[in-house]
Amino acid sequence: MADATRIVLANGVNRSAQGSDRVAAHFTGVVAARWTVPDEATLVFMAALHRFLNAGSGDPAGALREAQLWMLDPAREVPATWPQPLRRQAARLSAFRSGTWLADAEAWAAFTYQGR
């Protein structure tokens, strides 16, 4: 477990800075929200993050960046491999506010990676 990255879904507080000694002992890094993000956006963002984390080199910082760029892309495509409820949610959010809501900083900018 010493080479794992932890993803913290404690929205609203900078959880990535809390308990850093415990985290450092067990994980190489943490992805966390530095401020509150709406649950609907968090769901879609975390699905994108996991998609890029599992499909790429396994680099959490790179996967985080890819997920952020995916959220910013107005031509983003929802993966066909996502479960149908998640695909519907992503499509609904993609269409909200004329397709700009997932690209708003509110939906993706709070997520950071801290680690080695």
C-alpha atoms as a PDB file:
ATOM      1  CA  MET A   1       0.000   0.000   0.000  1.00  0.00           C
ATOM      2  CA  ALA A   2       2.993   2.324   0.293  1.00  0.00           C
ATOM      3  CA  ASP A   3       2.828   3.275  -3.397  1.00  0.00           C
ATOM      4  CA  ALA A   4      -0.887   4.065  -3.535  1.00  0.00           C
ATOM      5  CA  THR A   5      -2.591   7.414  -4.043  1.00  0.00           C
ATOM      6  CA  ARG A   6      -5.552   8.231  -1.829  1.00  0.00           C
ATOM      7  CA  ILE A   7      -8.521  10.143  -3.204  1.00  0.00           C
ATOM      8  CA  VAL A   8     -10.299  12.045  -0.452  1.00  0.00           C
ATOM      9  CA  LEU A   9     -13.946  12.944  -1.010  1.00  0.00           C
ATOM     10  CA  ALA A  10     -14.412  15.131   2.028  1.00  0.00           C
ATOM     11  CA  ASN A  11     -15.807  18.189   0.290  1.00  0.00           C
ATOM     12  CA  GLY A  12     -15.641  21.588   1.877  1.00  0.00           C
ATOM     13  CA  VAL A  13     -12.411  21.468   3.853  1.00  0.00           C
ATOM     14  CA  ASN A  14      -8.830  21.200   2.719  1.00  0.00           C
ATOM     15  CA  ARG A  15      -8.566  17.604   3.825  1.00  0.00           C
ATOM     16  CA  SER A  16      -5.390  17.139   1.838  1.00  0.00           C
ATOM     17  CA  ALA A  17      -3.455  19.122   4.463  1.00  0.00           C
ATOM     18  CA  GLN A  18      -4.974  17.394   7.477  1.00  0.00           C
ATOM     19  CA  GLY A  19      -3.328  14.334   8.923  1.00  0.00           C
ATOM     20  CA  SER A  20      -0.421  14.585   6.519  1.00  0.00           C
ATOM     21  CA  ASP A  21       1.811  12.444   8.743  1.00  0.00           C
ATOM     22  CA  ARG A  22      -0.679   9.569   8.634  1.00  0.00           C
ATOM     23  CA  VAL A  23      -1.163   9.976   4.893  1.00  0.00           C
ATOM     24  CA  ALA A  24       2.574  10.143   4.219  1.00  0.00           C
ATOM     25  CA  ALA A  25       3.083   6.901   6.112  1.00  0.00           C
ATOM     26  CA  HIS A  26       0.683   4.953   3.895  1.00  0.00           C
ATOM     27  CA  PHE A  27       0.265   6.781   0.585  1.00  0.00           C
ATOM     28  CA  THR A  28       2.473   8.517  -1.920  1.00  0.00           C
ATOM     29  CA  GLY A  29      -0.103  11.228  -2.564  1.00  0.00           C
ATOM     30  CA  VAL A  30      -3.598  12.586  -2.027  1.00  0.00           C
ATOM     31  CA  VAL A  31      -6.185  14.012  -4.410  1.00  0.00           C
ATOM     32  CA  ALA A  32      -8.603  16.202  -2.489  1.00  0.00           C
ATOM     33  CA  ALA A  33     -10.984  19.141  -2.854  1.00  0.00           C
ATOM     34  CA  ARG A  34      -9.708  22.367  -1.328  1.00  0.00           C
ATOM     35  CA  TRP A  35     -13.235  23.821  -1.137  1.00  0.00           C
ATOM     36  CA  THR A  36     -16.818  22.673  -1.552  1.00  0.00           C
ATOM     37  CA  VAL A  37     -17.712  21.362  -4.999  1.00  0.00           C
ATOM     38  CA  PRO A  38     -21.314  20.464  -5.910  1.00  0.00           C
ATOM     39  CA  ASP A  39     -21.860  16.716  -5.553  1.00  0.00           C
ATOM     40  CA  GLU A  40     -23.051  16.336  -9.146  1.00  0.00           C
ATOM     41  CA  ALA A  41     -19.834  17.828 -10.509  1.00  0.00           C
ATOM     42  CA  THR A  42     -17.706  15.836  -8.051  1.00  0.00           C
ATOM     43  CA  LEU A  43     -19.290  12.607  -9.284  1.00  0.00           C
ATOM     44  CA  VAL A  44     -18.470  13.363 -12.918  1.00  0.00           C
ATOM     45  CA  PHE A  45     -15.002  14.730 -12.131  1.00  0.00           C
ATOM     46  CA  MET A  46     -14.035  11.701 -10.025  1.00  0.00           C
ATOM     47  CA  ALA A  47     -15.244   9.332 -12.749  1.00  0.00           C
ATOM     48  CA  ALA A  48     -13.074  11.202 -15.261  1.00  0.00           C
ATOM     49  CA  LEU A  49     -10.110  11.195 -12.865  1.00  0.00           C
ATOM     50  CA  HIS A  50     -10.347   7.438 -12.333  1.00  0.00           C
ATOM     51  CA  ARG A  51     -10.715   6.891 -16.070  1.00  0.00           C
ATOM     52  CA  PHE A  52      -7.486   8.769 -16.786  1.00  0.00           C
ATOM     53  CA  LEU A  53      -5.683   7.290 -13.790  1.00  0.00           C
ATOM     54  CA  ASN A  54      -6.499   3.747 -14.911  1.00  0.00           C
ATOM     55  CA  ALA A  55      -5.919   4.344 -18.629  1.00  0.00           C
ATOM     56  CA  GLY A  56      -2.641   6.228 -18.473  1.00  0.00           C
ATOM     57  CA  SER A  57       0.711   5.858 -16.831  1.00  0.00           C
ATOM     58  CA  GLY A  58      -0.793   5.738 -13.352  1.00  0.00           C
ATOM     59  CA  ASP A  59       0.565   9.222 -12.624  1.00  0.00           C
ATOM     60  CA  PRO A  60      -2.010  10.916 -10.352  1.00  0.00           C
ATOM     61  CA  ALA A  61      -0.890  14.471 -11.177  1.00  0.00           C
ATOM     62  CA  GLY A  62      -1.131  13.720 -14.903  1.00  0.00           C
ATOM     63  CA  ALA A  63      -4.518  12.034 -14.518  1.00  0.00           C
ATOM     64  CA  LEU A  64      -5.788  15.014 -12.516  1.00  0.00           C
ATOM     65  CA  ARG A  65      -4.675  17.361 -15.281  1.00  0.00           C
ATOM     66  CA  GLU A  66      -6.298  15.184 -17.947  1.00  0.00           C
ATOM     67  CA  ALA A  67      -9.571  15.161 -15.985  1.00  0.00           C
ATOM     68  CA  GLN A  68      -9.450  18.954 -15.641  1.00  0.00           C
ATOM     69  CA  LEU A  69      -8.831  19.352 -19.377  1.00  0.00           C
ATOM     70  CA  TRP A  70     -11.698  16.953 -20.119  1.00  0.00           C
ATOM     71  CA  MET A  71     -14.011  19.070 -17.959  1.00  0.00           C
ATOM     72  CA  LEU A  72     -12.881  22.223 -19.796  1.00  0.00           C
ATOM     73  CA  ASP A  73     -13.401  20.721 -23.258  1.00  0.00           C
ATOM     74  CA  PRO A  74     -16.745  21.868 -24.708  1.00  0.00           C
ATOM     75  CA  ALA A  75     -16.574  18.915 -27.119  1.00  0.00           C
ATOM     76  CA  ARG A  76     -16.006  16.381 -24.299  1.00  0.00           C
ATOM     77  CA  GLU A  77     -17.416  12.954 -24.970  1.00  0.00           C
ATOM     78  CA  VAL A  78     -18.911  10.919 -22.167  1.00  0.00           C
ATOM     79  CA  PRO A  79     -17.298   7.468 -22.241  1.00  0.00           C
ATOM     80  CA  ALA A  80     -19.608   4.711 -23.424  1.00  0.00           C
ATOM     81  CA  THR A  81     -18.064   2.454 -20.771  1.00  0.00           C
ATOM     82  CA  TRP A  82     -19.496   4.525 -17.899  1.00  0.00           C
ATOM     83  CA  PRO A  83     -22.632   3.120 -16.245  1.00  0.00           C
ATOM     84  CA  GLN A  84     -25.844   4.499 -17.728  1.00  0.00           C
ATOM     85  CA  PRO A  85     -26.834   6.614 -14.655  1.00  0.00           C
ATOM     86  CA  LEU A  86     -23.400   8.270 -14.677  1.00  0.00           C
ATOM     87  CA  ARG A  87     -23.593   8.860 -18.434  1.00  0.00           C
ATOM     88  CA  ARG A  88     -27.018  10.490 -18.016  1.00  0.00           C
ATOM     89  CA  GLN A  89     -25.693  12.681 -15.190  1.00  0.00           C
ATOM     90  CA  ALA A  90     -22.667  13.766 -17.232  1.00  0.00           C
ATOM     91  CA  ALA A  91     -24.822  14.488 -20.282  1.00  0.00           C
ATOM     92  CA  ARG A  92     -27.292  16.490 -18.180  1.00  0.00           C
ATOM     93  CA  LEU A  93     -24.498  18.553 -16.620  1.00  0.00           C
ATOM     94  CA  SER A  94     -22.810  19.003 -19.999  1.00  0.00           C
ATOM     95  CA  ALA A  95     -26.021  20.530 -21.361  1.00  0.00           C
ATOM     96  CA  PHE A  96     -26.636  22.770 -18.309  1.00  0.00           C
ATOM     97  CA  ARG A  97     -25.977  26.503 -18.829  1.00  0.00           C
ATOM     98  CA  SER A  98     -25.582  26.017 -22.569  1.00  0.00           C
ATOM     99  CA  GLY A  99     -22.886  23.417 -22.054  1.00  0.00           C
ATOM    100  CA  THR A 100     -20.548  25.554 -19.945  1.00  0.00           C
ATOM    101  CA  TRP A 101     -21.230  24.322 -16.402  1.00  0.00           C
ATOM    102  CA  LEU A 102     -18.703  21.464 -16.270  1.00  0.00           C
ATOM    103  CA  ALA A 103     -16.099  23.880 -17.655  1.00  0.00           C
ATOM    104  CA  ASP A 104     -16.710  26.366 -14.831  1.00  0.00           C
ATOM    105  CA  ALA A 105     -13.903  26.464 -12.278  1.00  0.00           C
ATOM    106  CA  GLU A 106     -16.539  25.651  -9.631  1.00  0.00           C
ATOM    107  CA  ALA A 107     -16.811  22.145 -11.083  1.00  0.00           C
ATOM    108  CA  TRP A 108     -13.131  21.171 -11.327  1.00  0.00           C
ATOM    109  CA  ALA A 109     -10.594  23.688  -9.951  1.00  0.00           C
ATOM    110  CA  ALA A 110     -10.861  22.698  -6.269  1.00  0.00           C
ATOM    111  CA  PHE A 111      -9.256  19.318  -6.868  1.00  0.00           C
ATOM    112  CA  THR A 112      -5.516  19.150  -6.261  1.00  0.00           C
ATOM    113  CA  TYR A 113      -2.847  16.524  -5.981  1.00  0.00           C
ATOM    114  CA  GLN A 114      -0.274  16.616  -3.219  1.00  0.00           C
ATOM    115  CA  GLY A 115       2.378  13.985  -3.092  1.00  0.00           C
ATOM    116  CA  ARG A 116       5.528  12.501  -4.496  1.00  0.00           C
END
